[in-house]
Amino acid sequence: MTRRQLTDGQWKLIEPFLPIGEYGPYPERLREQFEGVIWRFRTSSQWREMP
């Protein structure tokens, strides 16, 4: 597990609050995208530098 990843327990708490709509992110990519946003705010980097 890398520094940016959430534990499974943390993800179980967060996932019900995230919208998965008809046109929203695919459920299998939602966690990856959410962790990318967390990484961006932790590092104070620019959006274009996101992994």
PDB file of N, CA and C in Angstrom:
ATOM      1  N   MET A   1       0.844  -1.180   0.000  1.00  0.00           N
ATOM      2  CA  MET A   1       0.000   0.000   0.000  1.00  0.00           C
ATOM      3  C   MET A   1       0.886   1.239   0.000  1.00  0.00           C
ATOM      4  N   THR A   2       0.578   2.145  -0.883  1.00  0.00           N
ATOM      5  CA  THR A   2       1.337   3.379  -0.939  1.00  0.00           C
ATOM      6  C   THR A   2       0.746   4.401   0.012  1.00  0.00           C
ATOM      7  N   ARG A   3       1.439   5.492   0.149  1.00  0.00           N
ATOM      8  CA  ARG A   3       1.019   6.536   1.085  1.00  0.00           C
ATOM      9  C   ARG A   3      -0.327   7.153   0.719  1.00  0.00           C
ATOM     10  N   ARG A   4      -0.647   7.198  -0.567  1.00  0.00           N
ATOM     11  CA  ARG A   4      -1.874   7.863  -0.994  1.00  0.00           C
ATOM     12  C   ARG A   4      -3.105   6.991  -0.869  1.00  0.00           C
ATOM     13  N   GLN A   5      -2.936   5.707  -0.671  1.00  0.00           N
ATOM     14  CA  GLN A   5      -4.077   4.810  -0.658  1.00  0.00           C
ATOM     15  C   GLN A   5      -4.812   4.803   0.673  1.00  0.00           C
ATOM     16  N   LEU A   6      -6.106   4.599   0.573  1.00  0.00           N
ATOM     17  CA  LEU A   6      -6.943   4.460   1.754  1.00  0.00           C
ATOM     18  C   LEU A   6      -6.991   2.989   2.154  1.00  0.00           C
ATOM     19  N   THR A   7      -7.176   2.742   3.424  1.00  0.00           N
ATOM     20  CA  THR A   7      -7.375   1.362   3.854  1.00  0.00           C
ATOM     21  C   THR A   7      -8.791   0.955   3.480  1.00  0.00           C
ATOM     22  N   ASP A   8      -9.052  -0.333   3.484  1.00  0.00           N
ATOM     23  CA  ASP A   8     -10.396  -0.812   3.146  1.00  0.00           C
ATOM     24  C   ASP A   8     -11.421  -0.304   4.153  1.00  0.00           C
ATOM     25  N   GLY A   9     -11.043  -0.213   5.407  1.00  0.00           N
ATOM     26  CA  GLY A   9     -11.951   0.309   6.426  1.00  0.00           C
ATOM     27  C   GLY A   9     -12.320   1.760   6.185  1.00  0.00           C
ATOM     28  N   GLN A  10     -11.324   2.568   5.825  1.00  0.00           N
ATOM     29  CA  GLN A  10     -11.593   3.976   5.524  1.00  0.00           C
ATOM     30  C   GLN A  10     -12.494   4.102   4.304  1.00  0.00           C
ATOM     31  N   TRP A  11     -12.247   3.280   3.290  1.00  0.00           N
ATOM     32  CA  TRP A  11     -13.043   3.353   2.069  1.00  0.00           C
ATOM     33  C   TRP A  11     -14.494   2.956   2.329  1.00  0.00           C
ATOM     34  N   LYS A  12     -14.727   1.983   3.199  1.00  0.00           N
ATOM     35  CA  LYS A  12     -16.096   1.566   3.519  1.00  0.00           C
ATOM     36  C   LYS A  12     -16.886   2.690   4.181  1.00  0.00           C
ATOM     37  N   LEU A  13     -16.199   3.553   4.923  1.00  0.00           N
ATOM     38  CA  LEU A  13     -16.870   4.693   5.541  1.00  0.00           C
ATOM     39  C   LEU A  13     -17.192   5.788   4.534  1.00  0.00           C
ATOM     40  N   ILE A  14     -16.330   5.986   3.559  1.00  0.00           N
ATOM     41  CA  ILE A  14     -16.467   7.081   2.594  1.00  0.00           C
ATOM     42  C   ILE A  14     -17.384   6.735   1.427  1.00  0.00           C
ATOM     43  N   GLU A  15     -17.310   5.516   0.931  1.00  0.00           N
ATOM     44  CA  GLU A  15     -17.994   5.121  -0.314  1.00  0.00           C
ATOM     45  C   GLU A  15     -19.495   5.420  -0.345  1.00  0.00           C
ATOM     46  N   PRO A  16     -20.265   5.201   0.723  1.00  0.00           N
ATOM     47  CA  PRO A  16     -21.705   5.474   0.633  1.00  0.00           C
ATOM     48  C   PRO A  16     -22.048   6.947   0.382  1.00  0.00           C
ATOM     49  N   PHE A  17     -21.127   7.849   0.663  1.00  0.00           N
ATOM     50  CA  PHE A  17     -21.392   9.276   0.498  1.00  0.00           C
ATOM     51  C   PHE A  17     -21.023   9.803  -0.890  1.00  0.00           C
ATOM     52  N   LEU A  18     -20.401   8.980  -1.712  1.00  0.00           N
ATOM     53  CA  LEU A  18     -19.990   9.412  -3.047  1.00  0.00           C
ATOM     54  C   LEU A  18     -21.039   9.006  -4.077  1.00  0.00           C
ATOM     55  N   PRO A  19     -21.399   9.925  -4.949  1.00  0.00           N
ATOM     56  CA  PRO A  19     -22.437   9.612  -5.935  1.00  0.00           C
ATOM     57  C   PRO A  19     -21.895   8.742  -7.065  1.00  0.00           C
ATOM     58  N   ILE A  20     -22.644   7.720  -7.384  1.00  0.00           N
ATOM     59  CA  ILE A  20     -22.347   6.905  -8.566  1.00  0.00           C
ATOM     60  C   ILE A  20     -23.597   6.977  -9.425  1.00  0.00           C
ATOM     61  N   GLY A  21     -23.578   7.897 -10.367  1.00  0.00           N
ATOM     62  CA  GLY A  21     -24.752   8.135 -11.188  1.00  0.00           C
ATOM     63  C   GLY A  21     -24.668   7.442 -12.531  1.00  0.00           C
ATOM     64  N   GLU A  22     -25.669   7.659 -13.320  1.00  0.00           N
ATOM     65  CA  GLU A  22     -25.748   7.077 -14.646  1.00  0.00           C
ATOM     66  C   GLU A  22     -24.587   7.552 -15.520  1.00  0.00           C
ATOM     67  N   TYR A  23     -24.172   8.802 -15.339  1.00  0.00           N
ATOM     68  CA  TYR A  23     -23.103   9.352 -16.157  1.00  0.00           C
ATOM     69  C   TYR A  23     -21.843   9.655 -15.349  1.00  0.00           C
ATOM     70  N   GLY A  24     -21.829   9.256 -14.095  1.00  0.00           N
ATOM     71  CA  GLY A  24     -20.686   9.530 -13.231  1.00  0.00           C
ATOM     72  C   GLY A  24     -19.560   8.526 -13.428  1.00  0.00           C
ATOM     73  N   PRO A  25     -18.583   8.547 -12.541  1.00  0.00           N
ATOM     74  CA  PRO A  25     -17.445   7.645 -12.672  1.00  0.00           C
ATOM     75  C   PRO A  25     -17.860   6.193 -12.469  1.00  0.00           C
ATOM     76  N   TYR A  26     -17.164   5.305 -13.137  1.00  0.00           N
ATOM     77  CA  TYR A  26     -17.439   3.891 -12.968  1.00  0.00           C
ATOM     78  C   TYR A  26     -17.047   3.468 -11.559  1.00  0.00           C
ATOM     79  N   PRO A  27     -17.832   2.620 -10.928  1.00  0.00           N
ATOM     80  CA  PRO A  27     -17.553   2.242  -9.540  1.00  0.00           C
ATOM     81  C   PRO A  27     -16.158   1.683  -9.319  1.00  0.00           C
ATOM     82  N   GLU A  28     -15.611   0.946 -10.269  1.00  0.00           N
ATOM     83  CA  GLU A  28     -14.276   0.371 -10.085  1.00  0.00           C
ATOM     84  C   GLU A  28     -13.179   1.433 -10.156  1.00  0.00           C
ATOM     85  N   ARG A  29     -13.444   2.578 -10.755  1.00  0.00           N
ATOM     86  CA  ARG A  29     -12.456   3.660 -10.844  1.00  0.00           C
ATOM     87  C   ARG A  29     -12.677   4.739  -9.796  1.00  0.00           C
ATOM     88  N   LEU A  30     -13.799   4.702  -9.110  1.00  0.00           N
ATOM     89  CA  LEU A  30     -14.151   5.755  -8.173  1.00  0.00           C
ATOM     90  C   LEU A  30     -13.126   5.879  -7.050  1.00  0.00           C
ATOM     91  N   ARG A  31     -12.696   4.752  -6.515  1.00  0.00           N
ATOM     92  CA  ARG A  31     -11.719   4.793  -5.418  1.00  0.00           C
ATOM     93  C   ARG A  31     -10.399   5.382  -5.898  1.00  0.00           C
ATOM     94  N   GLU A  32      -9.964   4.985  -7.077  1.00  0.00           N
ATOM     95  CA  GLU A  32      -8.713   5.509  -7.639  1.00  0.00           C
ATOM     96  C   GLU A  32      -8.793   7.013  -7.845  1.00  0.00           C
ATOM     97  N   GLN A  33      -9.913   7.495  -8.347  1.00  0.00           N
ATOM     98  CA  GLN A  33     -10.080   8.923  -8.576  1.00  0.00           C
ATOM     99  C   GLN A  33     -10.139   9.688  -7.258  1.00  0.00           C
ATOM    100  N   PHE A  34     -10.813   9.134  -6.278  1.00  0.00           N
ATOM    101  CA  PHE A  34     -10.917   9.784  -4.972  1.00  0.00           C
ATOM    102  C   PHE A  34      -9.546   9.866  -4.309  1.00  0.00           C
ATOM    103  N   GLU A  35      -8.756   8.802  -4.412  1.00  0.00           N
ATOM    104  CA  GLU A  35      -7.415   8.809  -3.841  1.00  0.00           C
ATOM    105  C   GLU A  35      -6.513   9.810  -4.555  1.00  0.00           C
ATOM    106  N   GLY A  36      -6.745  10.023  -5.849  1.00  0.00           N
ATOM    107  CA  GLY A  36      -6.000  11.039  -6.582  1.00  0.00           C
ATOM    108  C   GLY A  36      -6.287  12.442  -6.071  1.00  0.00           C
ATOM    109  N   VAL A  37      -7.533  12.699  -5.736  1.00  0.00           N
ATOM    110  CA  VAL A  37      -7.899  14.012  -5.189  1.00  0.00           C
ATOM    111  C   VAL A  37      -7.258  14.194  -3.812  1.00  0.00           C
ATOM    112  N   ILE A  38      -7.280  13.154  -2.996  1.00  0.00           N
ATOM    113  CA  ILE A  38      -6.627  13.223  -1.686  1.00  0.00           C
ATOM    114  C   ILE A  38      -5.140  13.502  -1.858  1.00  0.00           C
ATOM    115  N   TRP A  39      -4.495  12.830  -2.793  1.00  0.00           N
ATOM    116  CA  TRP A  39      -3.063  13.038  -3.056  1.00  0.00           C
ATOM    117  C   TRP A  39      -2.796  14.493  -3.429  1.00  0.00           C
ATOM    118  N   ARG A  40      -3.665  15.043  -4.264  1.00  0.00           N
ATOM    119  CA  ARG A  40      -3.477  16.421  -4.730  1.00  0.00           C
ATOM    120  C   ARG A  40      -3.499  17.405  -3.563  1.00  0.00           C
ATOM    121  N   PHE A  41      -4.423  17.238  -2.641  1.00  0.00           N
ATOM    122  CA  PHE A  41      -4.521  18.158  -1.514  1.00  0.00           C
ATOM    123  C   PHE A  41      -3.440  17.912  -0.464  1.00  0.00           C
ATOM    124  N   ARG A  42      -2.983  16.682  -0.317  1.00  0.00           N
ATOM    125  CA  ARG A  42      -1.900  16.409   0.626  1.00  0.00           C
ATOM    126  C   ARG A  42      -0.587  17.028   0.179  1.00  0.00           C
ATOM    127  N   THR A  43      -0.345  17.004  -1.123  1.00  0.00           N
ATOM    128  CA  THR A  43       0.932  17.476  -1.645  1.00  0.00           C
ATOM    129  C   THR A  43       0.897  18.936  -2.077  1.00  0.00           C
ATOM    130  N   SER A  44      -0.275  19.537  -2.133  1.00  0.00           N
ATOM    131  CA  SER A  44      -0.453  20.918  -2.608  1.00  0.00           C
ATOM    132  C   SER A  44       0.100  21.113  -4.011  1.00  0.00           C
ATOM    133  N   SER A  45      -0.002  20.076  -4.811  1.00  0.00           N
ATOM    134  CA  SER A  45       0.496  20.156  -6.179  1.00  0.00           C
ATOM    135  C   SER A  45      -0.585  20.700  -7.100  1.00  0.00           C
ATOM    136  N   GLN A  46      -0.216  20.898  -8.355  1.00  0.00           N
ATOM    137  CA  GLN A  46      -1.165  21.377  -9.348  1.00  0.00           C
ATOM    138  C   GLN A  46      -1.923  20.201  -9.913  1.00  0.00           C
ATOM    139  N   TRP A  47      -3.119  20.463 -10.438  1.00  0.00           N
ATOM    140  CA  TRP A  47      -3.955  19.393 -10.975  1.00  0.00           C
ATOM    141  C   TRP A  47      -3.270  18.641 -12.105  1.00  0.00           C
ATOM    142  N   ARG A  48      -2.497  19.313 -12.913  1.00  0.00           N
ATOM    143  CA  ARG A  48      -1.857  18.646 -14.058  1.00  0.00           C
ATOM    144  C   ARG A  48      -0.768  17.671 -13.627  1.00  0.00           C
ATOM    145  N   GLU A  49      -0.341  17.746 -12.377  1.00  0.00           N
ATOM    146  CA  GLU A  49       0.697  16.841 -11.876  1.00  0.00           C
ATOM    147  C   GLU A  49       0.133  15.582 -11.235  1.00  0.00           C
ATOM    148  N   MET A  50      -1.177  15.423 -11.274  1.00  0.00           N
ATOM    149  CA  MET A  50      -1.805  14.248 -10.652  1.00  0.00           C
ATOM    150  C   MET A  50      -1.362  12.965 -11.352  1.00  0.00           C
ATOM    151  N   PRO A  51      -1.162  11.902 -10.568  1.00  0.00           N
ATOM    152  CA  PRO A  51      -0.784  10.620 -11.192  1.00  0.00           C
ATOM    153  C   PRO A  51      -1.938  10.006 -11.955  1.00  0.00           C
TER     154      PRO A  51
END
